[in-house]
Amino acid sequence: MFSVTTRKTERRSNRRNATAANARSNPKGTSFAEATAFLTEIGKGFHVRGWVLGTSGNFSAVTSREPLRVAITSTGLDKGSLSPKQFLEVDNAVNIVRGDGRPSAEALLHLAIVRGAGAGAVLHTHSVWSTVLSGSHASQGGIAFEGYEMLKGLEGVRTHKHREWLPILDNSQDMVELSDRVSKTLQASPSIHGFLLKEHGLYTWGAGLQEAKRHVEILEFLMEVLVRSGAAQSA
């Protein structure tokens, strides 16, 4: 069972976002070497599943909180053949402090999520499922998933009766403006686990890399179910 609804207002959750709390329990972040090794393997796995074809997608992990440092993929890379040396480390203004190359233009979105959700890792995919659904339901403001057992794979969710709202934001090439909208979305909806960019892809995150990877798998599964079953078109 699922529902797709236009959301004019969203009830704020009383529970604190578990991602932020868990991330604060590891204030130093993940080491650069550990982060890049794990993100390299994530890229290969996601590429095999068709979630980051071509040069699409970008990945990041917090390596330090104070001062803020983030390991992130360089732009224009095939995620199926990543190596740790192709990652950069950037500061809170996206200045490169380690590595060679150019960070993704969407690095500002990663930083907005790190700050707004307290995330320790941010993963962005470009699957067929997210592209189709984010385009066909953009006018409705997002997609709500409810009744699926797989929802329990999202951090803090304990029952299939949970209703997960996945907002859809209009895409933009103005990353300053788009990162500001991302920040406002996270502030208005602190309990969400991800969002879609219209006809672009999925952003999700976690307290650490394992949690963020799990969230990609859960949300991509749910979106694929909707598209393959035809349920989204019949709503």
Protein backbone atom coordinates (compact mmCIF):
# COMPACT_ATOMS: atom_id res chain seq x y z
CA MET A 1 0.00 0.00 0.00
CA PHE A 2 1.18 3.54 -0.70
CA SER A 3 -0.17 7.00 -1.16
CA VAL A 4 0.96 9.95 -3.24
CA THR A 5 -0.29 13.25 -1.86
CA THR A 6 0.10 16.98 -2.25
CA ARG A 7 1.57 18.24 0.96
CA LYS A 8 0.62 21.82 1.89
CA THR A 9 1.79 21.46 5.46
CA GLU A 10 3.72 18.71 7.17
CA ARG A 11 3.33 17.78 10.82
CA ARG A 12 6.61 18.13 12.61
CA SER A 13 7.76 15.01 14.36
CA ASN A 14 8.09 15.12 18.14
CA ARG A 15 10.99 12.72 18.04
CA ARG A 16 14.44 14.13 17.34
CA ASN A 17 16.08 13.02 14.15
CA ALA A 18 18.11 9.97 15.11
CA THR A 19 20.64 10.66 12.36
CA ALA A 20 21.82 13.90 13.96
CA ALA A 21 22.05 12.34 17.41
CA ASN A 22 24.03 9.36 16.13
CA ALA A 23 26.36 11.55 14.11
CA ARG A 24 27.15 13.65 17.15
CA SER A 25 28.22 10.49 18.95
CA ASN A 26 31.14 10.34 16.49
CA PRO A 27 32.26 13.98 16.50
CA LYS A 28 35.55 13.31 14.72
CA GLY A 29 33.88 11.73 11.68
CA THR A 30 35.37 8.91 9.60
CA SER A 31 39.03 9.01 8.62
CA PHE A 32 39.73 10.10 5.05
CA ALA A 33 41.28 6.75 4.15
CA GLU A 34 38.38 4.76 5.60
CA ALA A 35 35.79 7.01 3.97
CA THR A 36 37.31 6.88 0.50
CA ALA A 37 37.81 3.10 0.62
CA PHE A 38 34.19 2.52 1.62
CA LEU A 39 32.82 5.08 -0.86
CA THR A 40 34.82 3.42 -3.63
CA GLU A 41 33.09 0.11 -2.91
CA ILE A 42 29.69 1.81 -2.63
CA GLY A 43 30.22 3.35 -6.06
CA LYS A 44 30.98 -0.01 -7.64
CA GLY A 45 27.96 -1.63 -6.03
CA PHE A 46 25.58 1.16 -6.97
CA HIS A 47 26.91 1.17 -10.55
CA VAL A 48 26.17 -2.54 -10.94
CA ARG A 49 22.60 -1.88 -9.78
CA GLY A 50 22.16 0.87 -12.36
CA TRP A 51 21.84 3.67 -9.82
CA VAL A 52 24.88 5.75 -10.91
CA LEU A 53 25.42 5.14 -14.63
CA GLY A 54 27.65 7.30 -16.80
CA THR A 55 29.21 9.93 -14.58
CA SER A 56 26.06 10.47 -12.50
CA GLY A 57 25.84 10.56 -8.72
CA ASN A 58 28.13 11.85 -6.02
CA PHE A 59 29.11 10.63 -2.55
CA SER A 60 30.52 12.22 0.58
CA ALA A 61 31.44 11.48 4.19
CA VAL A 62 32.37 13.75 7.07
CA THR A 63 36.01 13.29 8.09
CA SER A 64 36.07 16.05 10.72
CA ARG A 65 33.43 18.11 12.53
CA GLU A 66 35.66 20.81 13.98
CA PRO A 67 36.82 22.12 11.65
CA LEU A 68 34.35 20.70 9.13
CA ARG A 69 36.02 18.50 6.53
CA VAL A 70 34.23 16.31 4.00
CA ALA A 71 35.56 13.62 1.66
CA ILE A 72 33.70 13.90 -1.66
CA THR A 73 33.91 12.54 -5.18
CA SER A 74 35.54 14.63 -7.89
CA THR A 75 33.27 15.67 -10.72
CA GLY A 76 32.85 13.73 -13.97
CA LEU A 77 33.89 10.28 -12.78
CA ASP A 78 32.58 6.82 -13.61
CA LYS A 79 31.38 5.59 -10.21
CA GLY A 80 31.85 1.98 -11.27
CA SER A 81 35.63 2.42 -11.50
CA LEU A 82 36.34 4.80 -8.64
CA SER A 83 39.59 4.64 -6.69
CA PRO A 84 40.35 6.31 -3.34
CA LYS A 85 42.82 8.71 -4.99
CA GLN A 86 39.97 10.26 -6.97
CA PHE A 87 38.35 11.71 -3.85
CA LEU A 88 38.85 15.20 -2.52
CA GLU A 89 38.65 16.62 0.96
CA VAL A 90 36.91 20.00 1.19
CA ASP A 91 36.20 22.49 3.94
CA ASN A 92 32.93 24.21 4.84
CA ALA A 93 33.32 26.60 1.89
CA VAL A 94 34.11 23.79 -0.60
CA ASN A 95 37.78 24.77 -0.75
CA ILE A 96 39.98 21.76 -1.52
CA VAL A 97 42.26 20.85 1.36
CA ARG A 98 43.37 17.46 0.02
CA GLY A 99 43.48 15.79 -3.40
CA ASP A 100 43.55 16.81 -7.05
CA GLY A 101 40.53 17.55 -9.19
CA ARG A 102 37.33 19.54 -8.95
CA PRO A 103 34.51 18.80 -6.50
CA SER A 104 31.03 18.18 -7.83
CA ALA A 105 28.93 21.30 -8.38
CA GLU A 106 26.51 19.70 -5.95
CA ALA A 107 29.01 19.78 -3.08
CA LEU A 108 27.00 22.66 -1.62
CA LEU A 109 23.99 20.35 -1.34
CA HIS A 110 26.08 17.81 0.57
CA LEU A 111 27.21 20.49 3.00
CA ALA A 112 23.63 21.72 3.45
CA ILE A 113 22.58 18.17 4.39
CA VAL A 114 25.54 17.67 6.71
CA ARG A 115 24.61 20.86 8.54
CA GLY A 116 20.83 20.58 8.36
CA ALA A 117 20.42 16.88 9.14
CA GLY A 118 23.59 16.36 11.16
CA ALA A 119 24.57 13.71 8.61
CA GLY A 120 27.87 11.87 8.66
CA ALA A 121 27.51 10.67 5.06
CA VAL A 122 25.49 11.79 2.03
CA LEU A 123 24.78 9.67 -1.06
CA HIS A 124 23.21 10.81 -4.33
CA THR A 125 21.94 8.40 -7.00
CA HIS A 126 20.41 8.79 -10.48
CA SER A 127 18.29 5.66 -10.91
CA VAL A 128 15.58 5.18 -13.52
CA TRP A 129 13.05 4.88 -10.68
CA SER A 130 13.91 8.18 -9.00
CA THR A 131 14.01 9.97 -12.36
CA VAL A 132 10.57 8.68 -13.39
CA LEU A 133 8.82 9.31 -10.07
CA SER A 134 10.38 12.70 -9.42
CA GLY A 135 9.14 13.85 -12.82
CA SER A 136 5.67 12.33 -12.79
CA HIS A 137 4.82 13.49 -9.26
CA ALA A 138 6.67 16.79 -8.97
CA SER A 139 3.38 18.73 -9.07
CA GLN A 140 2.22 16.81 -6.00
CA GLY A 141 5.18 17.92 -3.93
CA GLY A 142 6.47 14.46 -3.10
CA ILE A 143 5.63 10.82 -2.52
CA ALA A 144 4.43 9.13 0.66
CA PHE A 145 5.28 5.46 1.29
CA GLU A 146 3.17 3.56 3.79
CA GLY A 147 2.48 -0.07 4.62
CA TYR A 148 5.76 -1.53 3.37
CA GLU A 149 7.84 -3.82 5.58
CA MET A 150 11.00 -2.41 3.99
CA LEU A 151 10.31 0.94 5.65
CA LYS A 152 11.69 -0.58 8.85
CA GLY A 153 15.15 -0.36 7.29
CA LEU A 154 15.06 3.42 7.71
CA GLU A 155 16.70 4.70 10.87
CA GLY A 156 14.19 5.15 13.69
CA VAL A 157 11.30 3.38 11.92
CA ARG A 158 9.84 0.47 13.86
CA THR A 159 6.68 -0.48 11.98
CA HIS A 160 5.44 -0.98 8.43
CA LYS A 161 2.61 1.43 9.31
CA HIS A 162 5.06 4.31 9.27
CA ARG A 163 4.40 6.97 6.63
CA GLU A 164 7.58 8.17 4.97
CA TRP A 165 7.39 11.44 3.05
CA LEU A 166 9.90 11.91 0.21
CA PRO A 167 9.76 15.55 -0.93
CA ILE A 168 10.40 16.51 -4.54
CA LEU A 169 12.31 19.74 -5.15
CA ASP A 170 12.59 21.47 -8.51
CA ASN A 171 16.02 20.98 -9.99
CA SER A 172 18.31 23.95 -10.60
CA GLN A 173 21.81 24.69 -11.86
CA ASP A 174 22.09 27.48 -9.28
CA MET A 175 23.60 25.48 -6.43
CA VAL A 176 23.55 28.36 -3.95
CA GLU A 177 19.80 28.78 -4.42
CA LEU A 178 19.17 25.03 -4.46
CA SER A 179 21.23 24.41 -1.32
CA ASP A 180 19.18 27.10 0.42
CA ARG A 181 15.95 25.27 -0.54
CA VAL A 182 17.45 22.01 0.71
CA SER A 183 18.25 23.66 4.06
CA LYS A 184 14.69 25.00 4.33
CA THR A 185 13.25 21.58 3.48
CA LEU A 186 15.29 19.93 6.21
CA GLN A 187 14.26 22.57 8.70
CA ALA A 188 10.58 22.19 7.83
CA SER A 189 10.66 18.38 7.72
CA PRO A 190 13.31 17.18 10.20
CA SER A 191 12.17 13.55 10.23
CA ILE A 192 12.63 12.81 6.50
CA HIS A 193 15.33 10.39 5.34
CA GLY A 194 15.79 11.78 1.84
CA PHE A 195 14.42 13.91 -0.97
CA LEU A 196 14.20 13.85 -4.77
CA LEU A 197 15.31 16.46 -7.27
CA LYS A 198 12.87 16.65 -10.18
CA GLU A 199 13.89 14.42 -13.08
CA HIS A 200 17.31 14.19 -11.50
CA GLY A 201 17.70 11.74 -8.63
CA LEU A 202 17.68 10.82 -4.96
CA TYR A 203 19.57 12.35 -2.05
CA THR A 204 19.72 10.47 1.22
CA TRP A 205 22.05 10.38 4.20
CA GLY A 206 22.89 8.73 7.49
CA ALA A 207 24.88 9.11 10.67
CA GLY A 208 27.60 7.10 8.94
CA LEU A 209 28.33 5.36 5.67
CA GLN A 210 26.61 2.09 6.51
CA GLU A 211 23.41 3.86 7.48
CA ALA A 212 23.45 6.08 4.40
CA LYS A 213 24.03 3.07 2.14
CA ARG A 214 21.11 1.25 3.76
CA HIS A 215 18.85 4.24 3.21
CA VAL A 216 19.72 4.29 -0.49
CA GLU A 217 18.87 0.60 -0.76
CA ILE A 218 15.54 1.00 1.05
CA LEU A 219 14.37 4.07 -0.84
CA GLU A 220 15.49 2.77 -4.23
CA PHE A 221 13.65 -0.50 -3.51
CA LEU A 222 10.44 1.35 -2.64
CA MET A 223 10.61 3.56 -5.72
CA GLU A 224 11.24 0.58 -7.97
CA VAL A 225 8.23 -1.22 -6.48
CA LEU A 226 5.99 1.74 -7.31
CA VAL A 227 7.18 2.03 -10.90
CA ARG A 228 7.25 -1.71 -11.67
CA SER A 229 3.84 -2.37 -10.12
CA GLY A 230 2.23 0.52 -11.94
CA ALA A 231 0.82 1.65 -8.60
CA ALA A 232 2.19 5.16 -8.95
CA GLN A 233 0.39 5.67 -12.27
CA SER A 234 -2.93 4.40 -10.88
CA ALA A 235 -2.92 6.64 -7.80
